[in-house]
Amino acid sequence: MSINDYHKKLTDEKLEGNEHRNFVGSYWDEIGSLQFNFMKDFGLKPSMQFLDVGCGCMRGGRFFVSWLDEGNYFGIDMNESLIKAGYDRELSQELKDKLPVKNLLIDDLFRVNKFNVKFSMALAISVFTHLPLAYLRLCLIELARATEEGAVLFATFFICPEDRSEDDSLMHEQGGVITFPFSDPYHFKFSKLSNSIKGLPWDIELVGDWKHPRGQLMVRFVRK
């Protein structure tokens, strides 16, 4: 049984209808600009080498590529058809000239060390909302190899209140999304996120509400 449907290849027919935009959860312009402005507000500079974890079809990537210095955007995703759709259909030639194809990695195990780059900032939007918690630990293990002290990963989660049972489904008032403990879309208590990364070189902090239309909350991980 697959963990989620994200591995499915999008056909050329679906791409002609811009189905790739809906495949990543729609809110195309809203979430794209939201994540870009969030990262700028939290210190992302054009001169920084930036990693987009779960970059998909460039919902946010097109904003980052435009603003970052040439060659400073890097994206990793497990779905080759989404990366291809984003590069071919969502980037102008000017943006393609700023984004070498080698800066896009198809990988389902977060092996970002393949870039041979030390990142100072990274972002994962709507990645761990679709994966069991073990994948968060795997991502942080791999990212630790490609970062130095002080590097930051921002990631979104559906958070279960500490006074609620985590083992039941949960309706999120903002956006009306229903999440589950053992299937996609997933929710976790913040305390469980904290416990899951024990022994890794990361500190964790709940940033909280950042105006995501479906109520995903932001968490910050800082490299020790």
N, C-alpha and C. Protein backbone atom coordinates (compact mmCIF):
# COMPACT_ATOMS: atom_id res chain seq x y z
N MET A 1 0.85 -1.20 0.00
CA MET A 1 0.00 0.00 0.00
C MET A 1 0.89 1.25 0.00
N SER A 2 0.59 2.20 -0.88
CA SER A 2 1.38 3.43 -0.95
C SER A 2 0.99 4.37 0.19
N ILE A 3 1.93 5.20 0.61
CA ILE A 3 1.70 6.14 1.69
C ILE A 3 0.73 7.24 1.26
N ASN A 4 0.88 7.70 0.01
CA ASN A 4 0.00 8.71 -0.55
C ASN A 4 0.02 8.59 -2.07
N ASP A 5 -0.70 9.46 -2.75
CA ASP A 5 -0.80 9.38 -4.21
C ASP A 5 0.21 10.28 -4.92
N TYR A 6 1.14 10.82 -4.18
CA TYR A 6 2.02 11.83 -4.75
C TYR A 6 2.99 11.28 -5.78
N HIS A 7 3.19 9.97 -5.78
CA HIS A 7 4.13 9.36 -6.71
C HIS A 7 3.56 9.22 -8.12
N LYS A 8 2.25 9.42 -8.28
CA LYS A 8 1.61 9.18 -9.57
C LYS A 8 2.14 10.12 -10.64
N LYS A 9 2.41 9.55 -11.81
CA LYS A 9 2.90 10.34 -12.93
C LYS A 9 1.74 11.04 -13.62
N LEU A 10 1.90 12.31 -13.90
CA LEU A 10 0.88 13.06 -14.61
C LEU A 10 1.08 12.91 -16.11
N THR A 11 0.02 12.56 -16.82
CA THR A 11 0.10 12.36 -18.26
C THR A 11 0.20 13.70 -18.98
N ASP A 12 0.65 13.65 -20.23
CA ASP A 12 0.73 14.86 -21.04
C ASP A 12 -0.64 15.51 -21.18
N GLU A 13 -1.68 14.69 -21.28
CA GLU A 13 -3.04 15.22 -21.40
C GLU A 13 -3.42 16.04 -20.18
N LYS A 14 -3.09 15.52 -19.00
CA LYS A 14 -3.42 16.26 -17.78
C LYS A 14 -2.59 17.53 -17.66
N LEU A 15 -1.35 17.47 -18.12
CA LEU A 15 -0.49 18.64 -18.06
C LEU A 15 -1.00 19.75 -18.98
N GLU A 16 -1.58 19.36 -20.10
CA GLU A 16 -2.13 20.37 -21.02
C GLU A 16 -3.23 21.17 -20.34
N GLY A 17 -3.93 20.54 -19.43
CA GLY A 17 -5.00 21.22 -18.71
C GLY A 17 -4.55 21.84 -17.39
N ASN A 18 -3.24 21.95 -17.21
CA ASN A 18 -2.66 22.51 -15.98
C ASN A 18 -3.09 21.74 -14.73
N GLU A 19 -3.29 20.42 -14.90
CA GLU A 19 -3.69 19.60 -13.76
C GLU A 19 -2.61 19.56 -12.70
N HIS A 20 -1.36 19.83 -13.08
CA HIS A 20 -0.27 19.82 -12.10
C HIS A 20 -0.51 20.84 -11.00
N ARG A 21 -1.18 21.92 -11.32
CA ARG A 21 -1.46 22.94 -10.30
C ARG A 21 -2.44 22.42 -9.26
N ASN A 22 -3.45 21.70 -9.71
CA ASN A 22 -4.42 21.13 -8.77
C ASN A 22 -3.81 19.96 -8.00
N PHE A 23 -2.91 19.24 -8.64
CA PHE A 23 -2.31 18.06 -8.04
C PHE A 23 -1.55 18.40 -6.76
N VAL A 24 -0.98 19.60 -6.70
CA VAL A 24 -0.23 20.01 -5.51
C VAL A 24 -1.10 20.77 -4.51
N GLY A 25 -2.41 20.73 -4.70
CA GLY A 25 -3.30 21.29 -3.70
C GLY A 25 -3.93 22.61 -4.05
N SER A 26 -3.81 23.02 -5.32
CA SER A 26 -4.38 24.28 -5.80
C SER A 26 -3.89 25.48 -4.97
N TYR A 27 -4.74 26.52 -4.79
CA TYR A 27 -4.30 27.78 -4.18
C TYR A 27 -2.97 28.21 -4.81
N TRP A 28 -2.90 28.10 -6.12
CA TRP A 28 -1.65 28.24 -6.85
C TRP A 28 -0.95 29.56 -6.57
N ASP A 29 -1.63 30.65 -6.83
CA ASP A 29 -1.00 31.96 -6.63
C ASP A 29 -0.90 32.32 -5.16
N GLU A 30 -1.94 31.99 -4.39
CA GLU A 30 -1.99 32.39 -2.98
C GLU A 30 -0.86 31.75 -2.18
N ILE A 31 -0.70 30.44 -2.27
CA ILE A 31 0.32 29.76 -1.46
C ILE A 31 1.71 30.00 -2.03
N GLY A 32 1.79 30.15 -3.35
CA GLY A 32 3.09 30.45 -3.95
C GLY A 32 3.68 31.73 -3.42
N SER A 33 2.89 32.79 -3.45
CA SER A 33 3.39 34.08 -2.96
C SER A 33 3.49 34.09 -1.44
N LEU A 34 2.61 33.36 -0.75
CA LEU A 34 2.63 33.32 0.71
C LEU A 34 3.96 32.77 1.22
N GLN A 35 4.40 31.66 0.65
CA GLN A 35 5.65 31.05 1.14
C GLN A 35 6.86 31.91 0.79
N PHE A 36 6.82 32.53 -0.37
CA PHE A 36 7.93 33.41 -0.77
C PHE A 36 8.05 34.60 0.18
N ASN A 37 6.94 35.26 0.46
CA ASN A 37 6.98 36.42 1.36
C ASN A 37 7.35 36.02 2.78
N PHE A 38 6.91 34.84 3.20
CA PHE A 38 7.26 34.35 4.54
C PHE A 38 8.78 34.20 4.66
N MET A 39 9.39 33.57 3.67
CA MET A 39 10.83 33.34 3.75
C MET A 39 11.61 34.64 3.68
N LYS A 40 11.16 35.58 2.88
CA LYS A 40 11.83 36.89 2.86
C LYS A 40 11.74 37.56 4.22
N ASP A 41 10.56 37.48 4.84
CA ASP A 41 10.37 38.11 6.15
C ASP A 41 11.28 37.46 7.21
N PHE A 42 11.61 36.19 7.02
CA PHE A 42 12.44 35.48 8.00
C PHE A 42 13.91 35.43 7.59
N GLY A 43 14.30 36.30 6.67
CA GLY A 43 15.72 36.51 6.45
C GLY A 43 16.35 35.95 5.20
N LEU A 44 15.55 35.37 4.30
CA LEU A 44 16.14 34.86 3.07
C LEU A 44 16.64 36.02 2.21
N LYS A 45 17.88 35.91 1.76
CA LYS A 45 18.51 36.94 0.93
C LYS A 45 18.81 36.37 -0.45
N PRO A 46 18.85 37.22 -1.49
CA PRO A 46 19.15 36.73 -2.84
C PRO A 46 20.47 36.00 -2.95
N SER A 47 21.42 36.34 -2.09
CA SER A 47 22.76 35.75 -2.16
C SER A 47 22.83 34.36 -1.52
N MET A 48 21.75 33.92 -0.84
CA MET A 48 21.76 32.64 -0.14
C MET A 48 21.42 31.48 -1.08
N GLN A 49 22.04 30.34 -0.81
CA GLN A 49 21.66 29.12 -1.52
C GLN A 49 20.50 28.48 -0.76
N PHE A 50 19.38 28.38 -1.44
CA PHE A 50 18.10 28.03 -0.82
C PHE A 50 17.60 26.69 -1.34
N LEU A 51 17.11 25.85 -0.42
CA LEU A 51 16.61 24.52 -0.77
C LEU A 51 15.10 24.45 -0.58
N ASP A 52 14.40 24.05 -1.64
CA ASP A 52 12.95 23.87 -1.64
C ASP A 52 12.67 22.37 -1.59
N VAL A 53 12.30 21.88 -0.40
CA VAL A 53 12.04 20.46 -0.19
C VAL A 53 10.60 20.16 -0.62
N GLY A 54 10.44 19.26 -1.58
CA GLY A 54 9.12 19.02 -2.15
C GLY A 54 8.74 20.15 -3.07
N CYS A 55 9.65 20.51 -3.97
CA CYS A 55 9.46 21.70 -4.81
C CYS A 55 8.33 21.53 -5.81
N GLY A 56 7.99 20.28 -6.15
CA GLY A 56 6.86 20.03 -7.04
C GLY A 56 6.99 20.76 -8.36
N CYS A 57 5.91 21.44 -8.74
CA CYS A 57 5.85 22.09 -10.06
C CYS A 57 6.02 23.60 -9.97
N MET A 58 6.83 24.04 -9.00
CA MET A 58 7.25 25.44 -8.91
C MET A 58 6.15 26.39 -8.46
N ARG A 59 5.24 25.92 -7.64
CA ARG A 59 4.23 26.83 -7.09
C ARG A 59 4.90 27.98 -6.35
N GLY A 60 5.87 27.65 -5.53
CA GLY A 60 6.67 28.68 -4.88
C GLY A 60 7.97 28.94 -5.61
N GLY A 61 8.48 27.92 -6.28
CA GLY A 61 9.77 28.01 -6.92
C GLY A 61 9.91 29.15 -7.90
N ARG A 62 8.83 29.44 -8.65
CA ARG A 62 8.92 30.51 -9.66
C ARG A 62 9.20 31.86 -9.01
N PHE A 63 8.66 32.07 -7.79
CA PHE A 63 8.93 33.31 -7.07
C PHE A 63 10.37 33.34 -6.57
N PHE A 64 10.82 32.21 -6.02
CA PHE A 64 12.18 32.15 -5.47
C PHE A 64 13.23 32.29 -6.56
N VAL A 65 13.04 31.59 -7.67
CA VAL A 65 14.01 31.66 -8.76
C VAL A 65 14.14 33.09 -9.28
N SER A 66 13.02 33.78 -9.38
CA SER A 66 13.02 35.15 -9.87
C SER A 66 13.82 36.08 -8.96
N TRP A 67 13.74 35.85 -7.65
CA TRP A 67 14.31 36.78 -6.68
C TRP A 67 15.74 36.44 -6.27
N LEU A 68 16.05 35.14 -6.19
CA LEU A 68 17.39 34.72 -5.78
C LEU A 68 18.40 35.00 -6.88
N ASP A 69 19.66 35.12 -6.48
CA ASP A 69 20.73 35.24 -7.47
C ASP A 69 20.78 33.97 -8.32
N GLU A 70 21.29 34.11 -9.52
CA GLU A 70 21.35 33.00 -10.46
C GLU A 70 22.04 31.78 -9.84
N GLY A 71 21.38 30.63 -9.96
CA GLY A 71 21.95 29.38 -9.48
C GLY A 71 21.76 29.10 -8.01
N ASN A 72 21.04 29.98 -7.29
CA ASN A 72 20.91 29.81 -5.84
C ASN A 72 19.64 29.07 -5.41
N TYR A 73 18.78 28.72 -6.35
CA TYR A 73 17.59 27.93 -6.02
C TYR A 73 17.88 26.45 -6.31
N PHE A 74 17.54 25.61 -5.32
CA PHE A 74 17.68 24.16 -5.46
C PHE A 74 16.35 23.52 -5.04
N GLY A 75 15.90 22.53 -5.81
CA GLY A 75 14.66 21.86 -5.48
C GLY A 75 14.80 20.36 -5.51
N ILE A 76 14.12 19.69 -4.60
CA ILE A 76 14.10 18.23 -4.56
C ILE A 76 12.66 17.75 -4.47
N ASP A 77 12.34 16.73 -5.22
CA ASP A 77 10.98 16.18 -5.22
C ASP A 77 11.04 14.74 -5.71
N MET A 78 10.08 13.93 -5.27
CA MET A 78 10.06 12.53 -5.68
C MET A 78 9.36 12.32 -7.02
N ASN A 79 8.58 13.31 -7.49
CA ASN A 79 7.74 13.13 -8.66
C ASN A 79 8.37 13.84 -9.88
N GLU A 80 8.95 13.05 -10.76
CA GLU A 80 9.64 13.61 -11.92
C GLU A 80 8.70 14.38 -12.83
N SER A 81 7.47 13.89 -13.00
CA SER A 81 6.54 14.56 -13.91
C SER A 81 6.15 15.94 -13.39
N LEU A 82 6.11 16.12 -12.07
CA LEU A 82 5.80 17.43 -11.51
C LEU A 82 6.96 18.41 -11.72
N ILE A 83 8.18 17.95 -11.47
CA ILE A 83 9.34 18.81 -11.69
C ILE A 83 9.40 19.23 -13.16
N LYS A 84 9.17 18.29 -14.05
CA LYS A 84 9.20 18.60 -15.48
C LYS A 84 8.11 19.61 -15.84
N ALA A 85 6.91 19.43 -15.29
CA ALA A 85 5.81 20.36 -15.57
C ALA A 85 6.16 21.76 -15.07
N GLY A 86 6.74 21.83 -13.88
CA GLY A 86 7.10 23.14 -13.34
C GLY A 86 8.15 23.83 -14.16
N TYR A 87 9.18 23.09 -14.54
CA TYR A 87 10.28 23.70 -15.29
C TYR A 87 9.83 24.10 -16.70
N ASP A 88 9.10 23.20 -17.35
CA ASP A 88 8.72 23.45 -18.74
C ASP A 88 7.58 24.45 -18.88
N ARG A 89 6.62 24.44 -17.94
CA ARG A 89 5.38 25.18 -18.12
C ARG A 89 5.24 26.42 -17.23
N GLU A 90 5.97 26.46 -16.13
CA GLU A 90 5.76 27.56 -15.19
C GLU A 90 6.91 28.57 -15.15
N LEU A 91 7.99 28.27 -15.81
CA LEU A 91 9.13 29.17 -15.81
C LEU A 91 9.32 29.80 -17.19
N SER A 92 9.50 31.10 -17.21
CA SER A 92 9.85 31.78 -18.44
C SER A 92 11.27 31.40 -18.82
N GLN A 93 11.67 31.73 -20.04
CA GLN A 93 13.05 31.44 -20.46
C GLN A 93 14.04 32.19 -19.58
N GLU A 94 13.68 33.39 -19.17
CA GLU A 94 14.55 34.16 -18.29
C GLU A 94 14.79 33.43 -16.97
N LEU A 95 13.73 32.84 -16.41
CA LEU A 95 13.89 32.10 -15.15
C LEU A 95 14.63 30.78 -15.37
N LYS A 96 14.40 30.12 -16.50
CA LYS A 96 15.14 28.89 -16.79
C LYS A 96 16.63 29.18 -16.87
N ASP A 97 16.98 30.34 -17.40
CA ASP A 97 18.40 30.71 -17.49
C ASP A 97 19.03 30.90 -16.11
N LYS A 98 18.19 31.19 -15.10
CA LYS A 98 18.70 31.36 -13.74
C LYS A 98 18.70 30.06 -12.95
N LEU A 99 18.10 29.01 -13.50
CA LEU A 99 17.94 27.75 -12.77
C LEU A 99 18.54 26.60 -13.57
N PRO A 100 19.77 26.23 -13.30
CA PRO A 100 20.36 25.06 -13.99
C PRO A 100 19.55 23.80 -13.67
N VAL A 101 19.37 22.96 -14.67
CA VAL A 101 18.60 21.73 -14.47
C VAL A 101 19.24 20.87 -13.38
N LYS A 102 20.56 20.94 -13.25
CA LYS A 102 21.24 20.15 -12.22
C LYS A 102 20.86 20.56 -10.80
N ASN A 103 20.20 21.71 -10.66
CA ASN A 103 19.75 22.16 -9.34
C ASN A 103 18.41 21.55 -8.95
N LEU A 104 17.86 20.68 -9.78
CA LEU A 104 16.61 19.99 -9.49
C LEU A 104 16.88 18.50 -9.37
N LEU A 105 16.53 17.95 -8.21
CA LEU A 105 16.87 16.56 -7.91
C LEU A 105 15.59 15.74 -7.71
N ILE A 106 15.52 14.60 -8.39
CA ILE A 106 14.41 13.66 -8.22
C ILE A 106 14.87 12.60 -7.24
N ASP A 107 14.27 12.57 -6.06
CA ASP A 107 14.71 11.67 -5.00
C ASP A 107 13.60 11.54 -3.98
N ASP A 108 13.33 10.33 -3.50
CA ASP A 108 12.26 10.13 -2.54
C ASP A 108 12.76 9.89 -1.12
N LEU A 109 14.06 10.09 -0.90
CA LEU A 109 14.65 9.85 0.42
C LEU A 109 15.41 11.07 0.94
N PHE A 110 15.12 12.25 0.38
CA PHE A 110 15.68 13.51 0.88
C PHE A 110 17.20 13.57 0.82
N ARG A 111 17.81 12.92 -0.16
CA ARG A 111 19.27 12.85 -0.20
C ARG A 111 19.85 14.13 -0.82
N VAL A 112 19.67 15.23 -0.09
CA VAL A 112 20.05 16.55 -0.60
C VAL A 112 21.56 16.74 -0.62
N ASN A 113 22.30 15.87 0.03
CA ASN A 113 23.76 15.98 0.01
C ASN A 113 24.31 15.76 -1.40
N LYS A 114 23.47 15.21 -2.29
CA LYS A 114 23.89 15.01 -3.68
C LYS A 114 24.18 16.34 -4.38
N PHE A 115 23.60 17.42 -3.88
CA PHE A 115 23.86 18.73 -4.47
C PHE A 115 25.28 19.22 -4.19
N ASN A 116 25.90 18.67 -3.15
CA ASN A 116 27.23 19.11 -2.73
C ASN A 116 27.24 20.61 -2.42
N VAL A 117 26.20 21.04 -1.70
CA VAL A 117 26.03 22.44 -1.31
C VAL A 117 25.73 22.50 0.18
N LYS A 118 26.22 23.54 0.85
CA LYS A 118 25.87 23.77 2.25
C LYS A 118 24.78 24.85 2.29
N PHE A 119 23.56 24.44 2.61
CA PHE A 119 22.43 25.35 2.60
C PHE A 119 22.30 26.07 3.94
N SER A 120 21.87 27.33 3.86
CA SER A 120 21.61 28.09 5.08
C SER A 120 20.12 28.18 5.38
N MET A 121 19.26 28.03 4.35
CA MET A 121 17.82 28.08 4.57
C MET A 121 17.13 27.06 3.67
N ALA A 122 16.11 26.41 4.22
CA ALA A 122 15.33 25.43 3.48
C ALA A 122 13.87 25.53 3.88
N LEU A 123 13.00 25.04 3.02
CA LEU A 123 11.56 25.15 3.22
C LEU A 123 10.88 23.88 2.73
N ALA A 124 9.90 23.41 3.51
CA ALA A 124 9.11 22.25 3.11
C ALA A 124 7.63 22.57 3.35
N ILE A 125 6.93 22.95 2.27
CA ILE A 125 5.52 23.28 2.35
C ILE A 125 4.68 22.08 1.95
N SER A 126 3.76 21.68 2.80
CA SER A 126 2.83 20.58 2.51
C SER A 126 3.57 19.30 2.12
N VAL A 127 4.67 19.03 2.79
CA VAL A 127 5.41 17.79 2.59
C VAL A 127 5.08 16.79 3.69
N PHE A 128 5.29 17.19 4.94
CA PHE A 128 5.09 16.27 6.06
C PHE A 128 3.63 16.17 6.48
N THR A 129 2.76 16.94 5.85
CA THR A 129 1.32 16.74 6.03
C THR A 129 0.85 15.50 5.28
N HIS A 130 1.69 14.95 4.41
CA HIS A 130 1.33 13.78 3.61
C HIS A 130 2.19 12.57 3.90
N LEU A 131 3.01 12.63 4.97
CA LEU A 131 3.95 11.55 5.24
C LEU A 131 3.93 11.16 6.72
N PRO A 132 4.18 9.87 7.01
CA PRO A 132 4.34 9.46 8.41
C PRO A 132 5.53 10.17 9.04
N LEU A 133 5.54 10.21 10.35
CA LEU A 133 6.51 11.03 11.08
C LEU A 133 7.95 10.58 10.86
N ALA A 134 8.16 9.32 10.57
CA ALA A 134 9.53 8.84 10.36
C ALA A 134 10.23 9.58 9.23
N TYR A 135 9.46 10.08 8.27
CA TYR A 135 10.07 10.80 7.15
C TYR A 135 10.63 12.15 7.57
N LEU A 136 10.05 12.76 8.59
CA LEU A 136 10.62 13.99 9.12
C LEU A 136 12.02 13.72 9.65
N ARG A 137 12.16 12.67 10.42
CA ARG A 137 13.48 12.35 10.97
C ARG A 137 14.47 12.05 9.85
N LEU A 138 14.03 11.30 8.85
CA LEU A 138 14.90 11.00 7.72
C LEU A 138 15.35 12.28 7.02
N CYS A 139 14.43 13.20 6.80
CA CYS A 139 14.77 14.46 6.15
C CYS A 139 15.80 15.23 6.95
N LEU A 140 15.62 15.31 8.25
CA LEU A 140 16.55 16.07 9.09
C LEU A 140 17.91 15.40 9.18
N ILE A 141 17.95 14.08 9.14
CA ILE A 141 19.23 13.37 9.10
C ILE A 141 19.99 13.74 7.84
N GLU A 142 19.29 13.69 6.71
CA GLU A 142 19.94 14.00 5.43
C GLU A 142 20.30 15.49 5.34
N LEU A 143 19.41 16.34 5.82
CA LEU A 143 19.67 17.78 5.73
C LEU A 143 20.83 18.20 6.63
N ALA A 144 21.03 17.47 7.72
CA ALA A 144 22.15 17.79 8.61
C ALA A 144 23.49 17.64 7.89
N ARG A 145 23.53 16.76 6.89
CA ARG A 145 24.76 16.55 6.12
C ARG A 145 25.02 17.68 5.13
N ALA A 146 23.99 18.49 4.87
CA ALA A 146 24.11 19.54 3.85
C ALA A 146 23.91 20.93 4.45
N THR A 147 24.08 21.05 5.76
CA THR A 147 23.93 22.34 6.44
C THR A 147 25.02 22.50 7.49
N GLU A 148 25.18 23.73 7.93
CA GLU A 148 26.10 24.03 9.01
C GLU A 148 25.33 24.66 10.17
N GLU A 149 26.00 24.89 11.26
CA GLU A 149 25.38 25.47 12.46
C GLU A 149 24.62 26.75 12.10
N GLY A 150 23.39 26.84 12.60
CA GLY A 150 22.58 28.02 12.37
C GLY A 150 21.65 27.93 11.19
N ALA A 151 21.81 26.93 10.34
CA ALA A 151 20.92 26.76 9.19
C ALA A 151 19.50 26.48 9.68
N VAL A 152 18.52 26.84 8.86
CA VAL A 152 17.12 26.76 9.28
C VAL A 152 16.31 26.01 8.23
N LEU A 153 15.46 25.11 8.70
CA LEU A 153 14.42 24.50 7.89
C LEU A 153 13.07 24.93 8.44
N PHE A 154 12.25 25.54 7.60
CA PHE A 154 10.86 25.81 7.93
C PHE A 154 10.00 24.74 7.28
N ALA A 155 9.06 24.18 8.03
CA ALA A 155 8.21 23.12 7.50
C ALA A 155 6.80 23.25 8.07
N THR A 156 5.80 22.89 7.27
CA THR A 156 4.41 23.00 7.71
C THR A 156 3.86 21.65 8.15
N PHE A 157 2.95 21.72 9.12
CA PHE A 157 2.30 20.53 9.66
C PHE A 157 0.85 20.86 10.01
N PHE A 158 0.02 19.84 10.02
CA PHE A 158 -1.26 19.93 10.70
C PHE A 158 -1.01 19.52 12.15
N ILE A 159 -1.25 20.44 13.07
CA ILE A 159 -0.92 20.21 14.48
C ILE A 159 -2.17 19.84 15.26
N CYS A 160 -2.06 18.76 16.01
CA CYS A 160 -3.14 18.33 16.91
C CYS A 160 -2.93 18.99 18.26
N PRO A 161 -3.96 19.63 18.84
CA PRO A 161 -3.81 20.24 20.17
C PRO A 161 -3.35 19.21 21.20
N GLU A 162 -2.55 19.67 22.15
CA GLU A 162 -1.99 18.77 23.16
C GLU A 162 -3.06 18.13 24.03
N ASP A 163 -4.23 18.80 24.18
CA ASP A 163 -5.27 18.26 25.05
C ASP A 163 -6.27 17.39 24.29
N ARG A 164 -5.99 17.10 23.03
CA ARG A 164 -6.85 16.23 22.23
C ARG A 164 -6.17 14.89 22.02
N SER A 165 -6.98 13.84 21.80
CA SER A 165 -6.41 12.55 21.46
C SER A 165 -5.85 12.60 20.05
N GLU A 166 -4.61 12.21 19.91
CA GLU A 166 -3.97 12.22 18.59
C GLU A 166 -4.44 11.04 17.74
N ASP A 167 -5.11 10.09 18.36
CA ASP A 167 -5.48 8.86 17.67
C ASP A 167 -6.80 8.95 16.94
N ASP A 168 -7.46 10.10 16.99
CA ASP A 168 -8.74 10.29 16.30
C ASP A 168 -8.55 11.25 15.12
N SER A 169 -9.51 11.21 14.19
CA SER A 169 -9.49 12.20 13.12
C SER A 169 -9.74 13.58 13.71
N LEU A 170 -9.31 14.60 13.00
CA LEU A 170 -9.37 15.96 13.53
C LEU A 170 -9.81 16.92 12.43
N MET A 171 -10.85 17.70 12.72
CA MET A 171 -11.30 18.73 11.79
C MET A 171 -10.61 20.04 12.11
N HIS A 172 -9.97 20.64 11.12
CA HIS A 172 -9.28 21.91 11.31
C HIS A 172 -10.21 23.03 10.88
N GLU A 173 -10.52 23.90 11.82
CA GLU A 173 -11.51 24.95 11.57
C GLU A 173 -11.12 25.82 10.39
N GLN A 174 -9.87 26.18 10.30
CA GLN A 174 -9.40 26.99 9.17
C GLN A 174 -9.18 26.09 7.97
N GLY A 175 -10.01 26.21 6.98
CA GLY A 175 -9.88 25.40 5.78
C GLY A 175 -10.75 24.17 5.76
N GLY A 176 -11.23 23.73 6.93
CA GLY A 176 -12.13 22.58 6.99
C GLY A 176 -11.52 21.25 6.62
N VAL A 177 -10.19 21.13 6.73
CA VAL A 177 -9.51 19.88 6.39
C VAL A 177 -9.66 18.89 7.54
N ILE A 178 -9.92 17.62 7.20
CA ILE A 178 -9.95 16.55 8.19
C ILE A 178 -8.65 15.78 8.07
N THR A 179 -7.93 15.66 9.18
CA THR A 179 -6.64 14.96 9.18
C THR A 179 -6.72 13.72 10.07
N PHE A 180 -5.70 12.86 9.92
CA PHE A 180 -5.73 11.55 10.55
C PHE A 180 -4.37 11.22 11.18
N PRO A 181 -4.36 10.31 12.15
CA PRO A 181 -3.09 9.94 12.77
C PRO A 181 -2.27 8.95 11.96
N PHE A 182 -2.93 8.15 11.11
CA PHE A 182 -2.22 7.07 10.44
C PHE A 182 -2.42 7.04 8.93
N SER A 183 -2.99 8.09 8.37
CA SER A 183 -3.16 8.15 6.92
C SER A 183 -3.16 9.61 6.45
N ASP A 184 -2.95 9.78 5.17
CA ASP A 184 -2.86 11.09 4.55
C ASP A 184 -4.24 11.74 4.45
N PRO A 185 -4.34 13.03 4.86
CA PRO A 185 -3.33 13.94 5.43
C PRO A 185 -3.13 13.68 6.92
N TYR A 186 -1.89 13.77 7.37
CA TYR A 186 -1.49 13.43 8.73
C TYR A 186 -1.52 14.65 9.66
N HIS A 187 -1.82 14.38 10.95
CA HIS A 187 -1.62 15.40 11.97
C HIS A 187 -0.74 14.84 13.08
N PHE A 188 -0.07 15.74 13.79
CA PHE A 188 0.81 15.35 14.89
C PHE A 188 0.72 16.40 16.00
N LYS A 189 0.89 15.97 17.23
CA LYS A 189 1.07 16.92 18.31
C LYS A 189 2.49 17.50 18.21
N PHE A 190 2.62 18.76 18.61
CA PHE A 190 3.95 19.38 18.57
C PHE A 190 4.91 18.64 19.48
N SER A 191 4.42 18.15 20.61
CA SER A 191 5.29 17.40 21.53
C SER A 191 5.83 16.13 20.87
N LYS A 192 5.01 15.53 20.00
CA LYS A 192 5.47 14.32 19.30
C LYS A 192 6.52 14.67 18.25
N LEU A 193 6.35 15.81 17.58
CA LEU A 193 7.38 16.25 16.65
C LEU A 193 8.70 16.44 17.39
N SER A 194 8.65 17.07 18.55
CA SER A 194 9.85 17.31 19.34
C SER A 194 10.53 16.01 19.74
N ASN A 195 9.73 15.05 20.18
CA ASN A 195 10.29 13.77 20.61
C ASN A 195 10.89 12.99 19.44
N SER A 196 10.31 13.18 18.26
CA SER A 196 10.74 12.38 17.11
C SER A 196 12.13 12.74 16.61
N ILE A 197 12.63 13.93 16.98
CA ILE A 197 13.94 14.35 16.47
C ILE A 197 15.01 14.32 17.57
N LYS A 198 14.71 13.69 18.69
CA LYS A 198 15.70 13.59 19.76
C LYS A 198 16.94 12.87 19.25
N GLY A 199 18.09 13.38 19.64
CA GLY A 199 19.36 12.80 19.22
C GLY A 199 19.89 13.36 17.92
N LEU A 200 19.09 14.19 17.25
CA LEU A 200 19.54 14.82 16.00
C LEU A 200 20.02 16.24 16.29
N PRO A 201 20.89 16.78 15.42
CA PRO A 201 21.47 18.11 15.68
C PRO A 201 20.54 19.25 15.28
N TRP A 202 19.33 19.22 15.79
CA TRP A 202 18.34 20.25 15.46
C TRP A 202 17.57 20.66 16.69
N ASP A 203 17.31 21.97 16.82
CA ASP A 203 16.34 22.49 17.77
C ASP A 203 15.04 22.74 17.02
N ILE A 204 13.92 22.73 17.76
CA ILE A 204 12.61 22.87 17.13
C ILE A 204 11.81 23.97 17.84
N GLU A 205 11.05 24.72 17.05
CA GLU A 205 10.25 25.81 17.60
C GLU A 205 8.95 25.92 16.79
N LEU A 206 7.83 26.09 17.49
CA LEU A 206 6.55 26.27 16.82
C LEU A 206 6.38 27.75 16.47
N VAL A 207 6.40 28.06 15.18
CA VAL A 207 6.13 29.42 14.72
C VAL A 207 4.63 29.68 14.75
N GLY A 208 3.84 28.70 14.30
CA GLY A 208 2.39 28.79 14.41
C GLY A 208 1.71 29.25 13.14
N ASP A 209 0.66 30.05 13.31
CA ASP A 209 -0.16 30.50 12.21
C ASP A 209 0.62 31.43 11.28
N TRP A 210 0.62 31.13 10.01
CA TRP A 210 1.28 32.00 9.02
C TRP A 210 0.32 32.27 7.85
N LYS A 211 -0.98 32.13 8.13
CA LYS A 211 -2.06 32.47 7.19
C LYS A 211 -2.22 31.46 6.06
N HIS A 212 -1.83 30.21 6.29
CA HIS A 212 -2.05 29.18 5.29
C HIS A 212 -3.55 28.94 5.14
N PRO A 213 -4.09 28.91 3.91
CA PRO A 213 -5.54 28.82 3.73
C PRO A 213 -6.17 27.53 4.23
N ARG A 214 -5.37 26.48 4.43
CA ARG A 214 -5.91 25.22 4.94
C ARG A 214 -5.51 24.97 6.39
N GLY A 215 -4.91 25.95 7.01
CA GLY A 215 -4.63 25.83 8.44
C GLY A 215 -3.37 25.09 8.80
N GLN A 216 -2.47 24.84 7.85
CA GLN A 216 -1.19 24.24 8.20
C GLN A 216 -0.37 25.25 9.01
N LEU A 217 0.24 24.78 10.08
CA LEU A 217 1.05 25.64 10.94
C LEU A 217 2.53 25.48 10.59
N MET A 218 3.30 26.51 10.89
CA MET A 218 4.72 26.52 10.54
C MET A 218 5.56 26.14 11.75
N VAL A 219 6.55 25.29 11.50
CA VAL A 219 7.52 24.87 12.51
C VAL A 219 8.92 25.19 11.99
N ARG A 220 9.78 25.67 12.88
CA ARG A 220 11.16 26.01 12.51
C ARG A 220 12.13 25.03 13.18
N PHE A 221 13.05 24.51 12.39
CA PHE A 221 14.12 23.65 12.88
C PHE A 221 15.44 24.39 12.66
N VAL A 222 16.25 24.49 13.70
CA VAL A 222 17.51 25.22 13.62
C VAL A 222 18.65 24.24 13.87
N ARG A 223 19.60 24.25 12.94
CA ARG A 223 20.75 23.32 13.01
C ARG A 223 21.66 23.71 14.16
N LYS A 224 21.92 22.77 15.07
CA LYS A 224 22.79 23.02 16.21
C LYS A 224 24.24 23.10 15.76
